[in-house]
């Protein structure tokens, strides 16, 4: 009998026992952390897995299956995105089932692929997802996406069509909530990325890190620190064009994550949220490249938006804005504050800003008021 087809044969008692064990855990989790709709969908998915011939439930611990089912449904329905309710982080989900995050992620990927829990299939979509799916045809037409029997085809360079669908759904969600504050969803690859930065400090590990960066980009094309680090490696090899292409992809995808359908930025894109930092770095990188290339108007526009959305200015956007207004190049700006060619003198830079920013009250008056109110 073909895999995945229902049968008139009574359910194997061992499968029933395993299914009930899994459902006990998913029901308890949904009651404590989620809602009745998630409980209904998890039961539907577990039943589908149980009726597979042979059922995969026969292999593996109930808690891993339970965590994997909730993770698979959650990643599809934006459970890990703070702008949606209910919300829980992927790490907290795994901890609630007492299962390692990597194990849960791997099981969830297997479940999503085996049971086609991907856009545009809405079999396991929450109500809010189905409502937003009503606008999907228009969104696809605008993006140049055309459906064929074997899936979506695009006339634009993207790395993952599922991520593009997700971006469009999220843009619709955010535009309906006045687009006030943006906090990005959790990215499981972030932890591994930071681990790689430590591995890179070990001699002879560069090739290993580069290979893993490439895989992380495929695993999560919307986590942008991986692009920027890999681009640095590629530029060191002498291929600046390819490196800049990678950086540009990061920038375009970062921009797509934060703007609404009108192309408007959120009022708040705070560095204080760890989840936002990879996005801010990708946007900052583009502004610096504009500046290096002599397009100071584009650089100013981007730096101004970064400062407006994050007045605490952890990246120093106000210093870049002032330097451009003073007619400095990026190289000139950094050189005047360098100490032993290694790092920048923060006090010297602050004194420089205090002295020269007074020349541009139109540029920094609002910022001084904003930080004064904090």
Protein backbone atom coordinates (compact mmCIF):
# COMPACT_ATOMS: atom_id res chain seq x y z
CA UNK A 1 0.00 0.00 0.00
CA UNK A 2 1.39 3.44 -0.86
CA UNK A 3 2.88 5.40 2.02
CA UNK A 4 0.66 8.05 3.53
CA UNK A 5 -2.69 6.50 2.45
CA UNK A 6 -5.46 5.60 4.86
CA UNK A 7 -6.56 2.01 5.12
CA UNK A 8 -9.62 0.07 6.25
CA UNK A 9 -7.28 -1.99 8.43
CA UNK A 10 -7.82 -1.25 12.14
CA UNK A 11 -5.14 0.96 13.68
CA UNK A 12 -2.20 -0.92 15.12
CA UNK A 13 -2.54 -1.01 18.94
CA UNK A 14 1.10 0.07 19.25
CA UNK A 15 0.40 3.08 17.03
CA UNK A 16 -2.70 3.94 19.05
CA UNK A 17 -0.70 3.76 22.27
CA UNK A 18 2.01 6.02 20.84
CA UNK A 19 -0.54 8.42 19.35
CA UNK A 20 -2.32 8.85 22.69
CA UNK A 21 1.00 9.47 24.42
CA UNK A 22 1.85 12.19 21.90
CA UNK A 23 -1.60 13.77 22.09
CA UNK A 24 -1.45 13.86 25.87
CA UNK A 25 1.68 16.01 25.63
CA UNK A 26 0.49 18.27 22.79
CA UNK A 27 -2.89 18.83 24.46
CA UNK A 28 -1.22 19.79 27.74
CA UNK A 29 1.20 22.15 25.97
CA UNK A 30 -1.54 23.83 23.91
CA UNK A 31 -3.71 24.28 27.00
CA UNK A 32 -0.89 25.91 28.93
CA UNK A 33 0.83 28.00 26.24
CA UNK A 34 -1.31 28.21 23.11
CA UNK A 35 -5.05 27.94 22.39
CA UNK A 36 -7.89 25.64 21.30
CA UNK A 37 -7.18 26.17 17.61
CA UNK A 38 -3.61 24.95 17.99
CA UNK A 39 -4.90 21.98 20.01
CA UNK A 40 -7.29 21.09 17.18
CA UNK A 41 -4.60 21.36 14.51
CA UNK A 42 -2.05 19.34 16.50
CA UNK A 43 -4.62 16.56 16.96
CA UNK A 44 -5.40 16.64 13.24
CA UNK A 45 -1.70 16.36 12.35
CA UNK A 46 -0.97 13.62 14.88
CA UNK A 47 -3.95 11.62 13.55
CA UNK A 48 -2.61 12.02 10.03
CA UNK A 49 0.82 10.78 11.09
CA UNK A 50 -0.77 7.85 12.93
CA UNK A 51 -2.70 6.79 9.81
CA UNK A 52 0.43 6.78 7.67
CA UNK A 53 1.31 3.28 6.51
CA UNK A 54 3.65 2.42 8.14
CA UNK A 55 3.26 5.07 10.82
CA UNK A 56 6.45 6.99 11.66
CA UNK A 57 5.14 7.28 15.24
CA UNK A 58 6.45 3.79 15.90
CA UNK A 59 9.96 5.23 15.86
CA UNK A 60 11.04 7.90 18.33
CA UNK A 61 10.06 9.18 21.75
CA UNK A 62 6.59 10.71 22.31
CA UNK A 63 8.00 13.99 23.63
CA UNK A 64 10.12 14.45 20.48
CA UNK A 65 7.11 13.81 18.27
CA UNK A 66 4.96 16.15 20.34
CA UNK A 67 7.52 18.94 20.24
CA UNK A 68 8.13 18.37 16.52
CA UNK A 69 4.43 18.55 15.68
CA UNK A 70 3.91 21.80 17.57
CA UNK A 71 7.11 23.27 16.12
CA UNK A 72 6.10 22.30 12.57
CA UNK A 73 2.69 23.92 12.94
CA UNK A 74 4.13 26.88 14.82
CA UNK A 75 6.81 27.76 12.28
CA UNK A 76 4.16 27.62 9.55
CA UNK A 77 1.72 29.84 11.48
CA UNK A 78 4.29 32.35 12.86
CA UNK A 79 4.19 31.08 16.43
CA UNK A 80 7.81 32.28 16.81
CA UNK A 81 7.00 35.82 15.65
CA UNK A 82 6.31 38.32 18.45
CA UNK A 83 3.90 40.28 16.23
CA UNK A 84 1.49 37.33 16.30
CA UNK A 85 -0.49 35.84 19.17
CA UNK A 86 -0.02 33.35 20.67
CA UNK A 87 3.77 33.59 20.78
CA UNK A 88 6.52 31.42 22.23
CA UNK A 89 10.17 31.17 21.27
CA UNK A 90 11.47 28.01 19.64
CA UNK A 91 13.91 27.55 22.52
CA UNK A 92 11.14 27.79 25.13
CA UNK A 93 9.02 25.34 23.16
CA UNK A 94 11.81 22.77 23.16
CA UNK A 95 12.46 23.36 26.85
CA UNK A 96 8.80 22.81 27.70
CA UNK A 97 9.02 19.32 26.20
CA UNK A 98 12.50 18.76 27.70
CA UNK A 99 13.97 18.11 24.26
CA UNK A 100 17.07 19.64 22.65
CA UNK A 101 16.28 22.53 20.28
CA UNK A 102 18.24 20.96 17.41
CA UNK A 103 16.36 17.68 17.77
CA UNK A 104 13.00 19.47 17.71
CA UNK A 105 13.96 21.55 14.67
CA UNK A 106 15.11 18.47 12.77
CA UNK A 107 11.91 16.55 13.58
CA UNK A 108 9.75 19.54 12.62
CA UNK A 109 11.50 19.85 9.26
CA UNK A 110 10.84 16.18 8.55
CA UNK A 111 7.17 16.60 9.46
CA UNK A 112 6.69 19.74 7.35
CA UNK A 113 8.29 18.13 4.32
CA UNK A 114 6.52 14.79 4.65
CA UNK A 115 3.05 16.31 5.11
CA UNK A 116 3.50 19.37 2.88
CA UNK A 117 3.08 21.95 5.62
CA UNK A 118 4.29 24.72 3.36
CA UNK A 119 2.75 27.68 1.55
CA UNK A 120 0.50 27.88 -0.37
CA UNK A 121 -1.07 24.71 1.12
CA UNK A 122 -3.43 25.86 3.91
CA UNK A 123 -4.51 22.50 5.32
CA UNK A 124 -2.84 23.27 8.64
CA UNK A 125 -3.25 27.06 8.58
CA UNK A 126 -4.64 28.97 11.54
CA UNK A 127 -7.73 31.12 11.00
CA UNK A 128 -5.72 34.35 10.75
CA UNK A 129 -3.49 32.75 8.11
CA UNK A 130 -6.46 31.69 6.00
CA UNK A 131 -7.92 35.17 6.22
CA UNK A 132 -4.69 36.70 4.99
CA UNK A 133 -4.42 34.07 2.29
CA UNK A 134 -7.37 35.73 0.61
CA UNK A 135 -4.92 38.40 -0.59
CA UNK A 136 -2.33 35.90 -1.76
CA UNK A 137 -3.21 35.97 -5.45
CA UNK A 138 -2.76 39.74 -5.59
CA UNK A 139 0.52 39.51 -3.70
CA UNK A 140 1.82 36.81 -6.03
CA UNK A 141 0.92 38.82 -9.10
CA UNK A 142 2.74 41.85 -7.72
CA UNK A 143 5.84 39.77 -7.03
CA UNK A 144 5.80 37.93 -10.34
CA UNK A 145 5.10 34.52 -8.83
CA UNK A 146 3.17 32.06 -10.97
CA UNK A 147 1.83 28.72 -9.84
CA UNK A 148 2.53 25.56 -11.79
CA UNK A 149 1.55 22.00 -11.06
CA UNK A 150 4.88 21.31 -9.41
CA UNK A 151 4.91 24.49 -7.31
CA UNK A 152 5.65 28.21 -7.53
CA UNK A 153 7.94 29.71 -10.16
CA UNK A 154 9.44 33.17 -9.77
CA UNK A 155 10.93 35.69 -12.12
CA UNK A 156 12.98 37.24 -9.32
CA UNK A 157 16.10 36.06 -7.52
CA UNK A 158 15.02 34.70 -4.15
CA UNK A 159 16.48 31.92 -2.08
CA UNK A 160 13.36 30.43 -0.59
CA UNK A 161 9.83 30.81 -1.91
CA UNK A 162 8.32 29.86 1.43
CA UNK A 163 10.12 32.75 3.08
CA UNK A 164 8.76 35.16 0.48
CA UNK A 165 5.18 34.02 1.10
CA UNK A 166 5.84 34.44 4.83
CA UNK A 167 7.18 37.95 4.34
CA UNK A 168 4.08 38.96 2.42
CA UNK A 169 1.72 37.52 5.04
CA UNK A 170 3.64 39.33 7.77
CA UNK A 171 3.58 42.62 5.88
CA UNK A 172 -0.21 42.34 5.68
CA UNK A 173 -0.40 41.61 9.41
CA UNK A 174 1.84 44.51 10.37
CA UNK A 175 0.14 47.06 8.11
CA UNK A 176 -3.15 46.30 9.85
CA UNK A 177 -1.63 47.05 13.27
CA UNK A 178 -0.42 50.56 12.38
CA UNK A 179 3.16 49.40 11.87
CA UNK A 180 4.38 50.77 15.20
CA UNK A 181 7.14 48.51 16.53
CA UNK A 182 9.00 45.78 14.66
CA UNK A 183 10.50 42.84 16.51
CA UNK A 184 11.75 40.08 14.28
CA UNK A 185 10.87 36.43 14.85
CA UNK A 186 13.32 34.01 16.42
CA UNK A 187 15.93 32.50 14.12
CA UNK A 188 17.23 29.14 15.24
CA UNK A 189 20.38 29.55 13.15
CA UNK A 190 21.42 32.61 15.20
CA UNK A 191 22.87 30.50 18.01
CA UNK A 192 24.94 28.48 15.58
CA UNK A 193 26.11 31.65 13.85
CA UNK A 194 27.48 33.05 17.10
CA UNK A 195 29.11 29.70 17.79
CA UNK A 196 30.81 29.96 14.39
CA UNK A 197 32.31 33.33 15.29
CA UNK A 198 34.09 31.58 18.16
CA UNK A 199 35.18 28.68 15.94
CA UNK A 200 36.68 31.21 13.53
CA UNK A 201 39.15 32.28 16.22
CA UNK A 202 40.74 28.82 16.02
CA UNK A 203 43.54 28.45 13.45
CA UNK A 204 42.69 26.59 10.23
CA UNK A 205 38.91 26.70 10.67
CA UNK A 206 38.05 29.24 7.96
CA UNK A 207 37.07 26.68 5.30
CA UNK A 208 34.82 24.87 7.77
CA UNK A 209 33.13 28.12 8.81
CA UNK A 210 32.58 29.24 5.22
CA UNK A 211 30.96 25.95 4.28
CA UNK A 212 28.67 26.11 7.28
CA UNK A 213 27.71 29.71 6.53
CA UNK A 214 26.57 28.64 3.08
CA UNK A 215 24.39 25.93 4.62
CA UNK A 216 22.93 28.32 7.19
CA UNK A 217 21.85 30.71 4.44
CA UNK A 218 19.96 27.89 2.77
CA UNK A 219 18.45 26.75 6.08
CA UNK A 220 17.28 30.28 6.92
CA UNK A 221 17.57 32.82 4.09
CA UNK A 222 16.18 35.54 6.36
CA UNK A 223 18.96 35.61 8.93
CA UNK A 224 21.39 38.16 7.51
CA UNK A 225 24.54 38.04 9.63
CA UNK A 226 25.45 34.87 7.74
CA UNK A 227 25.37 36.77 4.43
CA UNK A 228 27.59 39.56 5.72
CA UNK A 229 30.24 37.26 7.19
CA UNK A 230 30.34 35.09 4.08
CA UNK A 231 30.61 38.23 1.91
CA UNK A 232 33.67 39.29 3.90
CA UNK A 233 35.31 35.94 3.16
CA UNK A 234 34.50 36.20 -0.54
CA UNK A 235 35.82 39.77 -0.79
CA UNK A 236 39.06 38.67 0.88
CA UNK A 237 39.39 36.18 -2.00
CA UNK A 238 39.24 39.13 -4.41
CA UNK A 239 35.70 38.69 -5.72
CA UNK A 240 34.15 42.00 -4.64
CA UNK A 241 31.32 41.75 -7.18
CA UNK A 242 30.07 38.46 -5.76
CA UNK A 243 30.52 39.71 -2.21
CA UNK A 244 28.51 42.86 -2.90
CA UNK A 245 25.83 40.76 -4.58
CA UNK A 246 25.49 38.71 -1.40
CA UNK A 247 25.32 41.86 0.72
CA UNK A 248 22.69 43.33 -1.59
CA UNK A 249 20.55 40.22 -1.26
CA UNK A 250 20.77 40.56 2.53
CA UNK A 251 19.77 44.22 2.31
CA UNK A 252 16.80 43.64 0.01
CA UNK A 253 15.48 40.78 2.13
CA UNK A 254 16.02 42.75 5.34
CA UNK A 255 14.08 45.68 3.90
CA UNK A 256 11.27 43.36 2.82
CA UNK A 257 10.94 42.07 6.38
CA UNK A 258 10.37 45.46 7.98
CA UNK A 259 8.40 47.59 5.52
CA UNK A 260 4.64 47.45 5.07
CA UNK A 261 2.79 47.21 1.75
CA UNK A 262 3.25 50.96 1.24
CA UNK A 263 7.01 50.65 1.65
CA UNK A 264 6.92 52.42 5.03
CA UNK A 265 9.38 51.63 7.81
CA UNK A 266 8.11 50.77 11.29
CA UNK A 267 8.28 53.63 13.77
CA UNK A 268 10.48 51.53 16.02
CA UNK A 269 13.23 49.09 15.01
CA UNK A 270 15.13 48.83 18.28
CA UNK A 271 18.63 47.41 18.62
CA UNK A 272 17.64 46.39 22.13
CA UNK A 273 15.81 43.40 20.69
CA UNK A 274 18.50 40.83 19.90
CA UNK A 275 16.25 39.49 17.14
CA UNK A 276 16.51 42.81 15.26
CA UNK A 277 20.27 43.20 15.17
CA UNK A 278 20.97 41.14 12.07
CA UNK A 279 18.44 43.26 10.18
CA UNK A 280 19.90 46.54 11.39
CA UNK A 281 23.40 45.39 10.46
CA UNK A 282 22.27 44.51 6.91
CA UNK A 283 20.65 47.94 6.52
CA UNK A 284 23.68 49.71 7.97
CA UNK A 285 25.97 47.78 5.64
CA UNK A 286 23.99 49.06 2.64
CA UNK A 287 24.14 52.65 3.86
CA UNK A 288 27.92 52.41 4.27
CA UNK A 289 28.25 50.99 0.77
CA UNK A 290 26.19 53.85 -0.62
CA UNK A 291 28.57 56.24 1.12
CA UNK A 292 31.68 54.45 -0.18
CA UNK A 293 30.27 54.57 -3.71
CA UNK A 294 29.65 58.31 -3.46
CA UNK A 295 25.85 58.13 -3.33
CA UNK A 296 25.59 60.33 -0.25
CA UNK A 297 21.88 61.11 -0.72
CA UNK A 298 20.95 57.41 -0.57
CA UNK A 299 23.31 56.90 2.37
CA UNK A 300 21.78 59.82 4.27
CA UNK A 301 18.24 58.61 3.65
CA UNK A 302 19.03 55.16 5.01
CA UNK A 303 21.03 56.41 8.01
CA UNK A 304 18.23 58.84 8.89
CA UNK A 305 15.67 56.04 8.88
CA UNK A 306 17.91 53.90 11.05
CA UNK A 307 18.32 56.75 13.54
CA UNK A 308 14.60 57.63 13.58
CA UNK A 309 13.59 54.04 14.25
CA UNK A 310 16.27 53.55 16.92
CA UNK A 311 17.08 56.90 18.62
CA UNK A 312 19.35 55.17 21.15
CA UNK A 313 21.58 54.80 18.09
CA UNK A 314 23.67 51.82 19.06
CA UNK A 315 25.27 51.77 15.60
CA UNK A 316 26.29 55.43 15.55
CA UNK A 317 24.09 56.48 12.63
CA UNK A 318 24.12 60.10 13.84
CA UNK A 319 27.92 60.21 13.49
CA UNK A 320 27.69 58.97 9.91
CA UNK A 321 24.99 61.53 9.12
CA UNK A 322 27.10 64.34 10.53
CA UNK A 323 30.21 63.21 8.66
CA UNK A 324 28.34 63.17 5.37
CA UNK A 325 26.86 66.61 6.04
CA UNK A 326 30.40 67.87 6.70
CA UNK A 327 31.51 66.49 3.35
CA UNK A 328 33.72 63.72 4.72
CA UNK A 329 34.29 60.37 3.08
CA UNK A 330 33.93 57.21 5.17
CA UNK A 331 37.69 56.71 5.12
CA UNK A 332 38.33 60.29 6.29
CA UNK A 333 35.71 59.97 9.00
CA UNK A 334 37.14 56.78 10.49
CA UNK A 335 40.78 57.76 10.13
CA UNK A 336 40.47 60.81 12.41
CA UNK A 337 39.32 58.62 15.32
CA UNK A 338 41.55 55.58 14.82
CA UNK A 339 43.79 54.45 17.65
CA UNK A 340 46.77 52.39 16.50
CA UNK A 341 44.78 51.56 13.37
CA UNK A 342 42.71 49.10 15.37
CA UNK A 343 39.71 50.77 17.03
CA UNK A 344 37.95 54.13 17.26
CA UNK A 345 38.33 56.57 20.14
CA UNK A 346 34.74 56.90 21.43
CA UNK A 347 35.38 59.98 23.59
CA UNK A 348 37.11 61.83 20.78
CA UNK A 349 34.21 60.99 18.48
CA UNK A 350 31.64 62.21 21.03
CA UNK A 351 33.49 65.52 21.44
CA UNK A 352 33.59 65.89 17.66
CA UNK A 353 29.86 65.22 17.43
CA UNK A 354 28.98 67.68 20.19
CA UNK A 355 31.01 70.39 18.53
CA UNK A 356 29.84 69.91 14.94
CA UNK A 357 26.25 68.71 15.29
CA UNK A 358 25.27 72.19 16.49
CA UNK A 359 25.85 73.34 12.90
CA UNK A 360 22.86 71.24 11.77
CA UNK A 361 19.90 71.82 14.13
CA UNK A 362 17.56 70.73 11.34
CA UNK A 363 19.26 67.34 11.37
CA UNK A 364 19.68 66.64 15.07
CA UNK A 365 17.20 68.84 16.94
CA UNK A 366 14.53 66.14 17.02
CA UNK A 367 17.10 63.56 18.16
CA UNK A 368 18.26 65.66 21.12
CA UNK A 369 14.65 66.05 22.22
CA UNK A 370 14.01 62.34 21.83
CA UNK A 371 16.96 61.26 23.98
CA UNK A 372 16.23 64.01 26.52
CA UNK A 373 12.80 62.50 27.11
CA UNK A 374 14.22 59.07 27.86
